[in-house]
Amino acid sequence: MDQTTARVLSIGMAFLAGVLVGGVLLTAFPLGGGGPSIVPPDPENPPVSTSMGGPSCWDPEADLNPNAGWVHEVAAGVSYPVTLNATVVHPAGTEVDVSESPVTRRSPGVYEITIRTTDATDGGPTGCERVRTTLEIAASLPTEYERLVVTAEGYDDPLVDAERDDTTADLYPLPNPINVTG
């Protein structure tokens, strides 16, 4: 494994560990005292956290990450934590856009994670046609959620279209990488 891949995996694992440790600590030591204060997420605007690495020039032979490309959801009390890990390949001069929340409510019970790009503010890496960005998204969906859809620009069909049918953990594969170069 090369140094860049190891660094990206370390960042991703640290992000996921932080989310898990933070959730455990907030459950064990709630803010405000007086016992646990558990508030379900706002159905209209669920809390979202994003993390990205890159962009950097894409080398299809050296940059394949066998651990990227998934969406995970599981019941956890008054919400469903959802996490996404992906490698996004996009044209040079663009960047993955998370300026608006990548998680939106399509209709009651249906949520969408959208992967999109925009022109790079700094021009991005030079000397390559395509670049890659590693993307991690964590969201907390309300227990009323029934369906999760993951879309990306350039794809006609959803990458994931999953109906929630139970409270056990589910793992859905994503293309690896998600190629939005058109």
C-alpha atoms as a PDB file:
ATOM      1  CA  MET A   1       0.000   0.000   0.000  1.00  0.00           C
ATOM      2  CA  ASP A   2       1.469   3.333  -0.981  1.00  0.00           C
ATOM      3  CA  GLN A   3       1.815   6.276   1.422  1.00  0.00           C
ATOM      4  CA  THR A   4      -1.106   8.266  -0.033  1.00  0.00           C
ATOM      5  CA  THR A   5      -3.518   5.351   0.270  1.00  0.00           C
ATOM      6  CA  ALA A   6      -2.359   4.670   3.815  1.00  0.00           C
ATOM      7  CA  ARG A   7      -2.850   8.341   4.714  1.00  0.00           C
ATOM      8  CA  VAL A   8      -6.370   8.431   3.235  1.00  0.00           C
ATOM      9  CA  LEU A   9      -7.332   5.209   5.016  1.00  0.00           C
ATOM     10  CA  SER A  10      -5.962   6.623   8.286  1.00  0.00           C
ATOM     11  CA  ILE A  11      -7.997   9.815   7.885  1.00  0.00           C
ATOM     12  CA  GLY A  12     -11.147   7.853   7.069  1.00  0.00           C
ATOM     13  CA  MET A  13     -10.703   5.491  10.006  1.00  0.00           C
ATOM     14  CA  ALA A  14      -9.974   8.416  12.360  1.00  0.00           C
ATOM     15  CA  PHE A  15     -13.158  10.137  11.137  1.00  0.00           C
ATOM     16  CA  LEU A  16     -15.278   7.040  11.753  1.00  0.00           C
ATOM     17  CA  ALA A  17     -13.638   6.411  15.139  1.00  0.00           C
ATOM     18  CA  GLY A  18     -14.344  10.028  16.136  1.00  0.00           C
ATOM     19  CA  VAL A  19     -18.005   9.689  15.167  1.00  0.00           C
ATOM     20  CA  LEU A  20     -18.338   6.483  17.200  1.00  0.00           C
ATOM     21  CA  VAL A  21     -16.416   7.774  20.248  1.00  0.00           C
ATOM     22  CA  GLY A  22     -18.352  11.057  20.184  1.00  0.00           C
ATOM     23  CA  GLY A  23     -21.646   9.182  20.132  1.00  0.00           C
ATOM     24  CA  VAL A  24     -20.593   6.944  23.018  1.00  0.00           C
ATOM     25  CA  LEU A  25     -19.365   9.897  25.095  1.00  0.00           C
ATOM     26  CA  LEU A  26     -22.501  11.937  24.475  1.00  0.00           C
ATOM     27  CA  THR A  27     -24.619   8.955  25.482  1.00  0.00           C
ATOM     28  CA  ALA A  28     -22.575   8.310  28.647  1.00  0.00           C
ATOM     29  CA  PHE A  29     -22.135  11.977  29.605  1.00  0.00           C
ATOM     30  CA  PRO A  30     -24.993  14.012  28.139  1.00  0.00           C
ATOM     31  CA  LEU A  31     -24.660  17.767  28.013  1.00  0.00           C
ATOM     32  CA  GLY A  32     -26.821  19.773  30.399  1.00  0.00           C
ATOM     33  CA  GLY A  33     -26.833  17.270  33.275  1.00  0.00           C
ATOM     34  CA  GLY A  34     -29.894  15.704  34.815  1.00  0.00           C
ATOM     35  CA  GLY A  35     -29.822  12.524  32.767  1.00  0.00           C
ATOM     36  CA  PRO A  36     -29.795  11.711  29.106  1.00  0.00           C
ATOM     37  CA  SER A  37     -31.380  14.235  26.794  1.00  0.00           C
ATOM     38  CA  ILE A  38     -32.026  12.374  23.590  1.00  0.00           C
ATOM     39  CA  VAL A  39     -33.500  14.468  20.813  1.00  0.00           C
ATOM     40  CA  PRO A  40     -34.373  12.926  17.459  1.00  0.00           C
ATOM     41  CA  PRO A  41     -32.958  14.582  14.342  1.00  0.00           C
ATOM     42  CA  ASP A  42     -34.964  17.228  12.497  1.00  0.00           C
ATOM     43  CA  PRO A  43     -36.698  15.379   9.616  1.00  0.00           C
ATOM     44  CA  GLU A  44     -36.466  18.469   7.374  1.00  0.00           C
ATOM     45  CA  ASN A  45     -32.785  19.154   8.043  1.00  0.00           C
ATOM     46  CA  PRO A  46     -30.964  16.099   9.448  1.00  0.00           C
ATOM     47  CA  PRO A  47     -27.502  16.708  10.937  1.00  0.00           C
ATOM     48  CA  VAL A  48     -24.692  15.975   8.463  1.00  0.00           C
ATOM     49  CA  SER A  49     -20.913  15.847   8.704  1.00  0.00           C
ATOM     50  CA  THR A  50     -18.593  15.624   5.693  1.00  0.00           C
ATOM     51  CA  SER A  51     -14.894  14.947   5.291  1.00  0.00           C
ATOM     52  CA  MET A  52     -12.841  14.956   2.105  1.00  0.00           C
ATOM     53  CA  GLY A  53      -9.305  14.234   0.985  1.00  0.00           C
ATOM     54  CA  GLY A  54      -7.958  15.613  -2.280  1.00  0.00           C
ATOM     55  CA  PRO A  55      -8.388  16.314  -5.045  1.00  0.00           C
ATOM     56  CA  SER A  56      -5.243  14.756  -6.440  1.00  0.00           C
ATOM     57  CA  CYS A  57      -4.372  13.360  -9.850  1.00  0.00           C
ATOM     58  CA  TRP A  58      -6.136  10.051 -10.553  1.00  0.00           C
ATOM     59  CA  ASP A  59      -3.984   7.074 -11.456  1.00  0.00           C
ATOM     60  CA  PRO A  60      -6.386   4.191 -12.198  1.00  0.00           C
ATOM     61  CA  GLU A  61      -3.719   1.562 -11.620  1.00  0.00           C
ATOM     62  CA  ALA A  62      -2.323   2.883  -8.342  1.00  0.00           C
ATOM     63  CA  ASP A  63      -5.324   4.622  -6.771  1.00  0.00           C
ATOM     64  CA  LEU A  64      -7.819   1.796  -6.401  1.00  0.00           C
ATOM     65  CA  ASN A  65      -8.933   1.526  -2.785  1.00  0.00           C
ATOM     66  CA  PRO A  66     -10.578  -1.848  -2.128  1.00  0.00           C
ATOM     67  CA  ASN A  67     -12.152  -0.503   1.086  1.00  0.00           C
ATOM     68  CA  ALA A  68     -13.986   2.432  -0.516  1.00  0.00           C
ATOM     69  CA  GLY A  69     -17.443   2.439  -1.976  1.00  0.00           C
ATOM     70  CA  TRP A  70     -20.142   1.767   0.603  1.00  0.00           C
ATOM     71  CA  VAL A  71     -23.130   3.178   2.495  1.00  0.00           C
ATOM     72  CA  HIS A  72     -23.990   1.876   5.968  1.00  0.00           C
ATOM     73  CA  GLU A  73     -27.097   2.428   8.095  1.00  0.00           C
ATOM     74  CA  VAL A  74     -28.256   1.067  11.437  1.00  0.00           C
ATOM     75  CA  ALA A  75     -30.878   1.892  14.063  1.00  0.00           C
ATOM     76  CA  ALA A  76     -29.547   3.684  17.142  1.00  0.00           C
ATOM     77  CA  GLY A  77     -32.240   4.791  19.577  1.00  0.00           C
ATOM     78  CA  VAL A  78     -34.098   7.796  18.148  1.00  0.00           C
ATOM     79  CA  SER A  79     -32.231   7.928  14.842  1.00  0.00           C
ATOM     80  CA  TYR A  80     -30.580   5.987  12.047  1.00  0.00           C
ATOM     81  CA  PRO A  81     -26.903   6.889  11.655  1.00  0.00           C
ATOM     82  CA  VAL A  82     -25.923   6.660   7.979  1.00  0.00           C
ATOM     83  CA  THR A  83     -22.314   6.751   6.779  1.00  0.00           C
ATOM     84  CA  LEU A  84     -20.930   6.853   3.254  1.00  0.00           C
ATOM     85  CA  ASN A  85     -17.369   6.248   2.060  1.00  0.00           C
ATOM     86  CA  ALA A  86     -16.478   6.801  -1.584  1.00  0.00           C
ATOM     87  CA  THR A  87     -13.736   7.662  -4.015  1.00  0.00           C
ATOM     88  CA  VAL A  88     -15.031  10.158  -6.578  1.00  0.00           C
ATOM     89  CA  VAL A  89     -13.188  10.591  -9.894  1.00  0.00           C
ATOM     90  CA  HIS A  90     -13.957  13.901 -11.592  1.00  0.00           C
ATOM     91  CA  PRO A  91     -12.518  16.214 -14.271  1.00  0.00           C
ATOM     92  CA  ALA A  92      -9.459  18.298 -13.400  1.00  0.00           C
ATOM     93  CA  GLY A  93     -10.499  21.824 -12.514  1.00  0.00           C
ATOM     94  CA  THR A  94     -13.513  20.606 -10.518  1.00  0.00           C
ATOM     95  CA  GLU A  95     -14.030  19.640  -6.891  1.00  0.00           C
ATOM     96  CA  VAL A  96     -16.612  17.659  -4.963  1.00  0.00           C
ATOM     97  CA  ASP A  97     -19.254  20.149  -3.813  1.00  0.00           C
ATOM     98  CA  VAL A  98     -20.552  19.942  -0.244  1.00  0.00           C
ATOM     99  CA  SER A  99     -21.325  23.680   0.072  1.00  0.00           C
ATOM    100  CA  GLU A 100     -24.976  22.711   0.540  1.00  0.00           C
ATOM    101  CA  SER A 101     -25.924  19.672   2.566  1.00  0.00           C
ATOM    102  CA  PRO A 102     -25.360  16.507   0.506  1.00  0.00           C
ATOM    103  CA  VAL A 103     -28.273  14.904   2.418  1.00  0.00           C
ATOM    104  CA  THR A 104     -31.778  16.163   1.642  1.00  0.00           C
ATOM    105  CA  ARG A 105     -35.318  15.054   2.259  1.00  0.00           C
ATOM    106  CA  ARG A 106     -36.957  14.174  -1.088  1.00  0.00           C
ATOM    107  CA  SER A 107     -40.377  13.505   0.425  1.00  0.00           C
ATOM    108  CA  PRO A 108     -41.688  12.259   3.774  1.00  0.00           C
ATOM    109  CA  GLY A 109     -39.599   9.207   4.696  1.00  0.00           C
ATOM    110  CA  VAL A 110     -37.282   9.436   1.647  1.00  0.00           C
ATOM    111  CA  TYR A 111     -33.758  10.885   1.909  1.00  0.00           C
ATOM    112  CA  GLU A 112     -31.171  11.456  -0.805  1.00  0.00           C
ATOM    113  CA  ILE A 113     -27.397  11.714  -0.640  1.00  0.00           C
ATOM    114  CA  THR A 114     -26.205  13.644  -3.695  1.00  0.00           C
ATOM    115  CA  ILE A 115     -22.633  13.562  -5.008  1.00  0.00           C
ATOM    116  CA  ARG A 116     -21.933  16.556  -7.230  1.00  0.00           C
ATOM    117  CA  THR A 117     -19.009  18.659  -8.398  1.00  0.00           C
ATOM    118  CA  THR A 118     -18.402  22.318  -9.095  1.00  0.00           C
ATOM    119  CA  ASP A 119     -15.571  24.368 -10.582  1.00  0.00           C
ATOM    120  CA  ALA A 120     -12.540  24.272  -8.293  1.00  0.00           C
ATOM    121  CA  THR A 121     -11.983  27.519  -6.429  1.00  0.00           C
ATOM    122  CA  ASP A 122      -8.202  27.180  -6.649  1.00  0.00           C
ATOM    123  CA  GLY A 123      -8.028  25.468 -10.051  1.00  0.00           C
ATOM    124  CA  GLY A 124      -7.152  22.104  -8.493  1.00  0.00           C
ATOM    125  CA  PRO A 125      -4.162  19.917  -9.376  1.00  0.00           C
ATOM    126  CA  THR A 126      -2.438  20.557 -12.696  1.00  0.00           C
ATOM    127  CA  GLY A 127      -0.973  18.113 -15.196  1.00  0.00           C
ATOM    128  CA  CYS A 128      -3.812  15.575 -15.144  1.00  0.00           C
ATOM    129  CA  GLU A 129      -7.142  15.097 -16.906  1.00  0.00           C
ATOM    130  CA  ARG A 130      -8.972  13.430 -14.045  1.00  0.00           C
ATOM    131  CA  VAL A 131      -8.630  13.801 -10.290  1.00  0.00           C
ATOM    132  CA  ARG A 132      -9.903  11.847  -7.316  1.00  0.00           C
ATOM    133  CA  THR A 133     -11.401  12.918  -4.036  1.00  0.00           C
ATOM    134  CA  THR A 134     -12.124  10.648  -1.100  1.00  0.00           C
ATOM    135  CA  LEU A 135     -15.468  11.508   0.454  1.00  0.00           C
ATOM    136  CA  GLU A 136     -16.962  10.549   3.803  1.00  0.00           C
ATOM    137  CA  ILE A 137     -20.458  11.601   4.836  1.00  0.00           C
ATOM    138  CA  ALA A 138     -22.180  10.905   8.152  1.00  0.00           C
ATOM    139  CA  ALA A 139     -25.821  11.789   8.791  1.00  0.00           C
ATOM    140  CA  SER A 140     -28.473  11.075  11.385  1.00  0.00           C
ATOM    141  CA  LEU A 141     -31.859  10.276   9.870  1.00  0.00           C
ATOM    142  CA  PRO A 142     -35.118  10.156  11.850  1.00  0.00           C
ATOM    143  CA  THR A 143     -36.638   6.797  12.732  1.00  0.00           C
ATOM    144  CA  GLU A 144     -39.492   7.512  10.322  1.00  0.00           C
ATOM    145  CA  TYR A 145     -37.111   7.258   7.381  1.00  0.00           C
ATOM    146  CA  GLU A 146     -38.161   4.539   4.923  1.00  0.00           C
ATOM    147  CA  ARG A 147     -35.859   4.848   1.933  1.00  0.00           C
ATOM    148  CA  LEU A 148     -32.348   6.074   1.159  1.00  0.00           C
ATOM    149  CA  VAL A 149     -31.245   7.046  -2.348  1.00  0.00           C
ATOM    150  CA  VAL A 150     -27.658   7.869  -3.359  1.00  0.00           C
ATOM    151  CA  THR A 151     -27.216   9.760  -6.634  1.00  0.00           C
ATOM    152  CA  ALA A 152     -24.250  11.193  -8.512  1.00  0.00           C
ATOM    153  CA  GLU A 153     -24.104  13.544 -11.462  1.00  0.00           C
ATOM    154  CA  GLY A 154     -23.605  11.732 -14.742  1.00  0.00           C
ATOM    155  CA  TYR A 155     -25.455   8.601 -13.603  1.00  0.00           C
ATOM    156  CA  ASP A 156     -28.997   8.081 -14.925  1.00  0.00           C
ATOM    157  CA  ASP A 157     -29.972   5.655 -12.172  1.00  0.00           C
ATOM    158  CA  PRO A 158     -29.391   5.930  -8.419  1.00  0.00           C
ATOM    159  CA  LEU A 159     -26.181   4.328  -7.161  1.00  0.00           C
ATOM    160  CA  VAL A 160     -28.150   3.000  -4.170  1.00  0.00           C
ATOM    161  CA  ASP A 161     -31.920   2.828  -3.745  1.00  0.00           C
ATOM    162  CA  ALA A 162     -32.515   1.069  -0.426  1.00  0.00           C
ATOM    163  CA  GLU A 163     -35.764   0.506   1.417  1.00  0.00           C
ATOM    164  CA  ARG A 164     -35.380   0.292   5.186  1.00  0.00           C
ATOM    165  CA  ASP A 165     -37.125  -2.883   6.265  1.00  0.00           C
ATOM    166  CA  ASP A 166     -35.710  -3.540   9.735  1.00  0.00           C
ATOM    167  CA  THR A 167     -33.464  -2.120  12.463  1.00  0.00           C
ATOM    168  CA  THR A 168     -30.390  -4.252  11.821  1.00  0.00           C
ATOM    169  CA  ALA A 169     -27.293  -2.805  10.183  1.00  0.00           C
ATOM    170  CA  ASP A 170     -27.188  -2.789   6.405  1.00  0.00           C
ATOM    171  CA  LEU A 171     -24.204  -2.220   4.124  1.00  0.00           C
ATOM    172  CA  TYR A 172     -24.776  -1.209   0.506  1.00  0.00           C
ATOM    173  CA  PRO A 173     -21.982  -1.215  -2.085  1.00  0.00           C
ATOM    174  CA  LEU A 174     -21.182   1.834  -4.223  1.00  0.00           C
ATOM    175  CA  PRO A 175     -19.212   1.857  -7.469  1.00  0.00           C
ATOM    176  CA  ASN A 176     -15.511   2.105  -6.712  1.00  0.00           C
ATOM    177  CA  PRO A 177     -14.655   4.683  -7.876  1.00  0.00           C
ATOM    178  CA  ILE A 178     -17.709   6.803  -8.603  1.00  0.00           C
ATOM    179  CA  ASN A 179     -16.765   8.257 -11.978  1.00  0.00           C
ATOM    180  CA  VAL A 180     -18.442  11.614 -12.683  1.00  0.00           C
ATOM    181  CA  THR A 181     -16.170  12.600 -15.575  1.00  0.00           C
ATOM    182  CA  GLY A 182     -19.003  12.089 -18.057  1.00  0.00           C
END
